[in-house]
Amino acid sequence: MEQGKRQLKVSGLVQEELAQVLRLKFQELTRPALVSITRVRVTADLSLCRVYLSVYGIGDAQAQEAMIEKIRQAKPGLRKELGLRVRNQLRVVPDMEFYLDDSLDYAERIERLLQQ
């Protein structure tokens, strides 16, 4: 489904500011992995954003999912810090859902299959 102009602005703002929050304020949460926000999708009413994260530097998919779960548990603190950063741009900070983005792994697997 196509996102509107306002949704795209809000998703870009959330992606940028949330990345800064994770990097500066919650760096101990993501250690030893490198967590990257690959995509943010915002609902039409701007009340919910789905944040897709890629996790690098730790082993298998189970460890990556465990890292995402740690981030999910820290959601209240993340949302509060995000609210402090975007309080002049947004009236209400959207609720956040975090998902593991495995699209790069999927593309790599397809590439290997094509080369066989």
N, C-alpha and C. Protein backbone atom coordinates (compact mmCIF):
# COMPACT_ATOMS: atom_id res chain seq x y z
N MET A 1 0.84 -1.17 0.00
CA MET A 1 0.00 0.00 0.00
C MET A 1 0.89 1.24 0.00
N GLU A 2 0.51 2.20 -0.79
CA GLU A 2 1.27 3.43 -0.95
C GLU A 2 1.11 4.33 0.27
N GLN A 3 2.21 4.91 0.71
CA GLN A 3 2.16 5.83 1.84
C GLN A 3 1.98 7.25 1.33
N GLY A 4 1.24 8.05 2.09
CA GLY A 4 1.03 9.45 1.74
C GLY A 4 2.24 10.30 2.07
N LYS A 5 2.17 11.55 1.66
CA LYS A 5 3.28 12.47 1.86
C LYS A 5 3.59 12.66 3.35
N ARG A 6 2.55 12.84 4.15
CA ARG A 6 2.75 13.03 5.59
C ARG A 6 3.33 11.78 6.24
N GLN A 7 2.84 10.62 5.82
CA GLN A 7 3.36 9.36 6.36
C GLN A 7 4.85 9.20 6.04
N LEU A 8 5.23 9.56 4.83
CA LEU A 8 6.64 9.45 4.45
C LEU A 8 7.51 10.40 5.28
N LYS A 9 7.02 11.62 5.53
CA LYS A 9 7.77 12.57 6.36
C LYS A 9 7.93 12.04 7.78
N VAL A 10 6.83 11.53 8.35
CA VAL A 10 6.89 11.04 9.72
C VAL A 10 7.78 9.80 9.80
N SER A 11 7.69 8.90 8.83
CA SER A 11 8.52 7.70 8.88
C SER A 11 10.00 8.05 8.75
N GLY A 12 10.33 9.02 7.90
CA GLY A 12 11.72 9.46 7.79
C GLY A 12 12.22 10.10 9.08
N LEU A 13 11.37 10.92 9.69
CA LEU A 13 11.73 11.56 10.95
C LEU A 13 11.94 10.53 12.05
N VAL A 14 11.02 9.58 12.16
CA VAL A 14 11.14 8.54 13.19
C VAL A 14 12.38 7.70 12.96
N GLN A 15 12.65 7.33 11.71
CA GLN A 15 13.82 6.51 11.41
C GLN A 15 15.11 7.23 11.79
N GLU A 16 15.21 8.49 11.43
CA GLU A 16 16.42 9.26 11.73
C GLU A 16 16.62 9.45 13.23
N GLU A 17 15.57 9.87 13.91
CA GLU A 17 15.70 10.17 15.34
C GLU A 17 15.84 8.91 16.18
N LEU A 18 15.13 7.85 15.81
CA LEU A 18 15.25 6.61 16.56
C LEU A 18 16.64 6.00 16.40
N ALA A 19 17.22 6.15 15.22
CA ALA A 19 18.59 5.67 15.02
C ALA A 19 19.55 6.41 15.94
N GLN A 20 19.36 7.72 16.08
CA GLN A 20 20.20 8.50 16.98
C GLN A 20 20.01 8.07 18.43
N VAL A 21 18.76 7.83 18.81
CA VAL A 21 18.48 7.39 20.18
C VAL A 21 19.16 6.05 20.46
N LEU A 22 19.04 5.11 19.54
CA LEU A 22 19.67 3.80 19.72
C LEU A 22 21.19 3.92 19.80
N ARG A 23 21.74 4.80 18.96
CA ARG A 23 23.20 4.93 18.91
C ARG A 23 23.75 5.67 20.13
N LEU A 24 23.04 6.69 20.59
CA LEU A 24 23.59 7.53 21.66
C LEU A 24 23.12 7.14 23.06
N LYS A 25 21.85 6.87 23.24
CA LYS A 25 21.30 6.65 24.58
C LYS A 25 21.17 5.18 24.96
N PHE A 26 20.99 4.32 23.98
CA PHE A 26 20.74 2.91 24.27
C PHE A 26 21.82 2.01 23.68
N GLN A 27 23.05 2.50 23.62
CA GLN A 27 24.12 1.72 23.02
C GLN A 27 24.45 0.47 23.81
N GLU A 28 24.26 0.51 25.15
CA GLU A 28 24.53 -0.68 25.96
C GLU A 28 23.49 -1.77 25.70
N LEU A 29 22.31 -1.38 25.25
CA LEU A 29 21.25 -2.35 24.94
C LEU A 29 21.60 -3.19 23.72
N THR A 30 22.23 -2.59 22.75
CA THR A 30 22.49 -3.28 21.48
C THR A 30 23.86 -3.94 21.40
N ARG A 31 24.67 -3.78 22.43
CA ARG A 31 25.99 -4.42 22.40
C ARG A 31 25.87 -5.92 22.46
N PRO A 32 26.65 -6.69 21.83
CA PRO A 32 27.80 -6.43 20.97
C PRO A 32 27.41 -6.29 19.50
N ALA A 33 26.14 -6.26 19.21
CA ALA A 33 25.68 -6.23 17.82
C ALA A 33 25.63 -4.81 17.28
N LEU A 34 25.54 -4.73 15.97
CA LEU A 34 25.28 -3.48 15.28
C LEU A 34 23.84 -3.55 14.80
N VAL A 35 23.01 -2.64 15.27
CA VAL A 35 21.60 -2.63 14.91
C VAL A 35 21.36 -1.45 13.97
N SER A 36 20.74 -1.74 12.85
CA SER A 36 20.46 -0.73 11.84
C SER A 36 18.96 -0.70 11.55
N ILE A 37 18.40 0.49 11.46
CA ILE A 37 16.99 0.63 11.12
C ILE A 37 16.91 0.68 9.60
N THR A 38 16.32 -0.36 9.01
CA THR A 38 16.27 -0.43 7.56
C THR A 38 15.05 0.24 6.97
N ARG A 39 13.94 0.23 7.72
CA ARG A 39 12.70 0.80 7.17
C ARG A 39 11.74 1.10 8.31
N VAL A 40 10.98 2.16 8.16
CA VAL A 40 9.91 2.50 9.10
C VAL A 40 8.65 2.74 8.28
N ARG A 41 7.59 2.04 8.64
CA ARG A 41 6.30 2.19 7.98
C ARG A 41 5.32 2.77 9.01
N VAL A 42 4.61 3.82 8.64
CA VAL A 42 3.68 4.49 9.54
C VAL A 42 2.27 4.27 9.02
N THR A 43 1.33 3.98 9.93
CA THR A 43 -0.06 3.80 9.54
C THR A 43 -0.65 5.13 9.09
N ALA A 44 -1.79 5.06 8.42
CA ALA A 44 -2.42 6.26 7.86
C ALA A 44 -2.80 7.27 8.93
N ASP A 45 -3.18 6.80 10.12
CA ASP A 45 -3.57 7.72 11.19
C ASP A 45 -2.38 8.17 12.04
N LEU A 46 -1.18 7.77 11.67
CA LEU A 46 0.07 8.16 12.33
C LEU A 46 0.16 7.70 13.79
N SER A 47 -0.62 6.71 14.16
CA SER A 47 -0.61 6.26 15.55
C SER A 47 0.33 5.08 15.79
N LEU A 48 0.77 4.42 14.75
CA LEU A 48 1.62 3.24 14.89
C LEU A 48 2.68 3.24 13.80
N CYS A 49 3.89 2.93 14.20
CA CYS A 49 4.94 2.76 13.20
C CYS A 49 5.59 1.39 13.40
N ARG A 50 5.82 0.74 12.29
CA ARG A 50 6.48 -0.55 12.30
C ARG A 50 7.94 -0.32 11.91
N VAL A 51 8.82 -0.67 12.82
CA VAL A 51 10.24 -0.41 12.64
C VAL A 51 10.93 -1.74 12.31
N TYR A 52 11.59 -1.78 11.17
CA TYR A 52 12.29 -2.98 10.73
C TYR A 52 13.78 -2.80 10.98
N LEU A 53 14.36 -3.74 11.71
CA LEU A 53 15.75 -3.65 12.14
C LEU A 53 16.58 -4.78 11.55
N SER A 54 17.78 -4.47 11.16
CA SER A 54 18.76 -5.48 10.78
C SER A 54 19.79 -5.56 11.90
N VAL A 55 20.17 -6.77 12.25
CA VAL A 55 21.12 -6.99 13.34
C VAL A 55 22.35 -7.67 12.75
N TYR A 56 23.50 -7.05 12.94
CA TYR A 56 24.77 -7.58 12.43
C TYR A 56 25.71 -7.85 13.60
N GLY A 57 26.62 -8.76 13.39
CA GLY A 57 27.68 -8.98 14.36
C GLY A 57 27.39 -10.05 15.39
N ILE A 58 26.19 -10.61 15.39
CA ILE A 58 25.92 -11.76 16.24
C ILE A 58 25.41 -12.87 15.34
N GLY A 59 25.62 -14.07 15.78
CA GLY A 59 25.44 -15.27 14.99
C GLY A 59 24.13 -15.48 14.26
N ASP A 60 23.41 -16.43 14.72
CA ASP A 60 22.27 -16.97 13.98
C ASP A 60 21.00 -16.14 14.16
N ALA A 61 19.94 -16.59 13.50
CA ALA A 61 18.66 -15.89 13.54
C ALA A 61 18.06 -15.88 14.94
N GLN A 62 18.34 -16.90 15.71
CA GLN A 62 17.80 -16.96 17.08
C GLN A 62 18.42 -15.85 17.94
N ALA A 63 19.70 -15.61 17.80
CA ALA A 63 20.36 -14.54 18.55
C ALA A 63 19.87 -13.17 18.07
N GLN A 64 19.63 -13.05 16.78
CA GLN A 64 19.12 -11.79 16.25
C GLN A 64 17.71 -11.51 16.78
N GLU A 65 16.87 -12.54 16.83
CA GLU A 65 15.52 -12.38 17.36
C GLU A 65 15.56 -12.03 18.85
N ALA A 66 16.52 -12.59 19.58
CA ALA A 66 16.67 -12.27 21.00
C ALA A 66 17.04 -10.79 21.16
N MET A 67 17.85 -10.26 20.27
CA MET A 67 18.21 -8.84 20.31
C MET A 67 16.98 -7.97 20.05
N ILE A 68 16.16 -8.37 19.09
CA ILE A 68 14.93 -7.63 18.80
C ILE A 68 14.01 -7.65 20.01
N GLU A 69 13.96 -8.78 20.71
CA GLU A 69 13.12 -8.89 21.91
C GLU A 69 13.61 -7.96 23.00
N LYS A 70 14.93 -7.81 23.16
CA LYS A 70 15.48 -6.86 24.12
C LYS A 70 15.05 -5.44 23.78
N ILE A 71 15.05 -5.12 22.51
CA ILE A 71 14.64 -3.79 22.07
C ILE A 71 13.14 -3.59 22.32
N ARG A 72 12.36 -4.64 22.08
CA ARG A 72 10.91 -4.55 22.35
C ARG A 72 10.65 -4.28 23.82
N GLN A 73 11.42 -4.89 24.69
CA GLN A 73 11.23 -4.68 26.13
C GLN A 73 11.63 -3.26 26.55
N ALA A 74 12.52 -2.65 25.81
CA ALA A 74 12.97 -1.29 26.11
C ALA A 74 12.11 -0.24 25.40
N LYS A 75 11.00 -0.65 24.79
CA LYS A 75 10.17 0.26 24.01
C LYS A 75 9.70 1.49 24.79
N PRO A 76 9.25 1.37 26.06
CA PRO A 76 8.82 2.59 26.77
C PRO A 76 9.92 3.65 26.86
N GLY A 77 11.13 3.24 27.17
CA GLY A 77 12.24 4.18 27.25
C GLY A 77 12.59 4.76 25.89
N LEU A 78 12.57 3.92 24.87
CA LEU A 78 12.86 4.39 23.52
C LEU A 78 11.81 5.41 23.07
N ARG A 79 10.56 5.11 23.36
CA ARG A 79 9.47 6.01 22.95
C ARG A 79 9.57 7.35 23.69
N LYS A 80 9.95 7.30 24.95
CA LYS A 80 10.10 8.53 25.72
C LYS A 80 11.22 9.41 25.14
N GLU A 81 12.36 8.79 24.87
CA GLU A 81 13.49 9.54 24.30
C GLU A 81 13.15 10.08 22.91
N LEU A 82 12.44 9.26 22.13
CA LEU A 82 12.01 9.71 20.80
C LEU A 82 11.08 10.91 20.94
N GLY A 83 10.17 10.84 21.91
CA GLY A 83 9.25 11.95 22.14
C GLY A 83 9.95 13.24 22.50
N LEU A 84 11.01 13.14 23.29
CA LEU A 84 11.78 14.33 23.65
C LEU A 84 12.45 14.95 22.42
N ARG A 85 12.83 14.10 21.47
CA ARG A 85 13.54 14.59 20.29
C ARG A 85 12.60 15.16 19.22
N VAL A 86 11.36 14.65 19.15
CA VAL A 86 10.45 15.08 18.08
C VAL A 86 9.28 15.89 18.62
N ARG A 87 9.37 16.37 19.83
CA ARG A 87 8.22 17.06 20.44
C ARG A 87 7.81 18.32 19.69
N ASN A 88 8.71 18.93 18.94
CA ASN A 88 8.35 20.13 18.18
C ASN A 88 7.80 19.81 16.80
N GLN A 89 7.96 18.56 16.34
CA GLN A 89 7.48 18.18 15.02
C GLN A 89 6.19 17.37 15.05
N LEU A 90 5.98 16.58 16.11
CA LEU A 90 4.81 15.71 16.20
C LEU A 90 4.04 15.99 17.47
N ARG A 91 2.73 15.97 17.37
CA ARG A 91 1.91 16.14 18.57
C ARG A 91 1.92 14.89 19.43
N VAL A 92 1.78 13.75 18.78
CA VAL A 92 1.73 12.47 19.48
C VAL A 92 2.82 11.57 18.91
N VAL A 93 3.59 10.96 19.79
CA VAL A 93 4.61 10.02 19.34
C VAL A 93 3.92 8.69 19.04
N PRO A 94 4.09 8.17 17.83
CA PRO A 94 3.41 6.92 17.50
C PRO A 94 3.94 5.75 18.32
N ASP A 95 3.05 4.78 18.55
CA ASP A 95 3.47 3.55 19.19
C ASP A 95 4.38 2.81 18.21
N MET A 96 5.27 1.98 18.71
CA MET A 96 6.23 1.32 17.85
C MET A 96 6.15 -0.19 17.99
N GLU A 97 6.26 -0.87 16.86
CA GLU A 97 6.41 -2.31 16.83
C GLU A 97 7.73 -2.60 16.12
N PHE A 98 8.51 -3.51 16.67
CA PHE A 98 9.83 -3.81 16.12
C PHE A 98 9.82 -5.19 15.47
N TYR A 99 10.41 -5.26 14.28
CA TYR A 99 10.49 -6.51 13.53
C TYR A 99 11.92 -6.70 13.02
N LEU A 100 12.30 -7.96 12.91
CA LEU A 100 13.60 -8.29 12.34
C LEU A 100 13.47 -8.24 10.82
N ASP A 101 14.32 -7.46 10.18
CA ASP A 101 14.32 -7.35 8.72
C ASP A 101 15.38 -8.31 8.19
N ASP A 102 14.92 -9.39 7.60
CA ASP A 102 15.84 -10.39 7.08
C ASP A 102 15.91 -10.34 5.56
N SER A 103 15.57 -9.22 4.96
CA SER A 103 15.57 -9.12 3.51
C SER A 103 16.97 -9.25 2.92
N LEU A 104 17.99 -8.77 3.63
CA LEU A 104 19.36 -8.92 3.12
C LEU A 104 19.80 -10.37 3.13
N ASP A 105 19.43 -11.11 4.18
CA ASP A 105 19.75 -12.53 4.24
C ASP A 105 19.03 -13.29 3.12
N TYR A 106 17.78 -12.91 2.89
CA TYR A 106 16.99 -13.55 1.84
C TYR A 106 17.62 -13.28 0.47
N ALA A 107 18.03 -12.05 0.20
CA ALA A 107 18.66 -11.71 -1.08
C ALA A 107 19.98 -12.46 -1.25
N GLU A 108 20.74 -12.59 -0.17
CA GLU A 108 22.00 -13.32 -0.24
C GLU A 108 21.76 -14.80 -0.54
N ARG A 109 20.74 -15.37 0.08
CA ARG A 109 20.40 -16.76 -0.16
C ARG A 109 19.96 -16.98 -1.61
N ILE A 110 19.18 -16.08 -2.17
CA ILE A 110 18.76 -16.17 -3.57
C ILE A 110 19.96 -16.06 -4.50
N GLU A 111 20.87 -15.15 -4.17
CA GLU A 111 22.08 -14.97 -4.99
C GLU A 111 22.91 -16.25 -5.01
N ARG A 112 23.06 -16.89 -3.85
CA ARG A 112 23.81 -18.16 -3.81
C ARG A 112 23.13 -19.23 -4.64
N LEU A 113 21.82 -19.29 -4.56
CA LEU A 113 21.09 -20.29 -5.34
C LEU A 113 21.22 -20.05 -6.84
N LEU A 114 21.23 -18.80 -7.24
CA LEU A 114 21.37 -18.49 -8.67
C LEU A 114 22.76 -18.82 -9.19
N GLN A 115 23.76 -18.74 -8.34
CA GLN A 115 25.12 -19.02 -8.78
C GLN A 115 25.43 -20.50 -8.84
N GLN A 116 24.57 -21.33 -8.27
CA GLN A 116 24.81 -22.79 -8.31
C GLN A 116 24.45 -23.37 -9.64
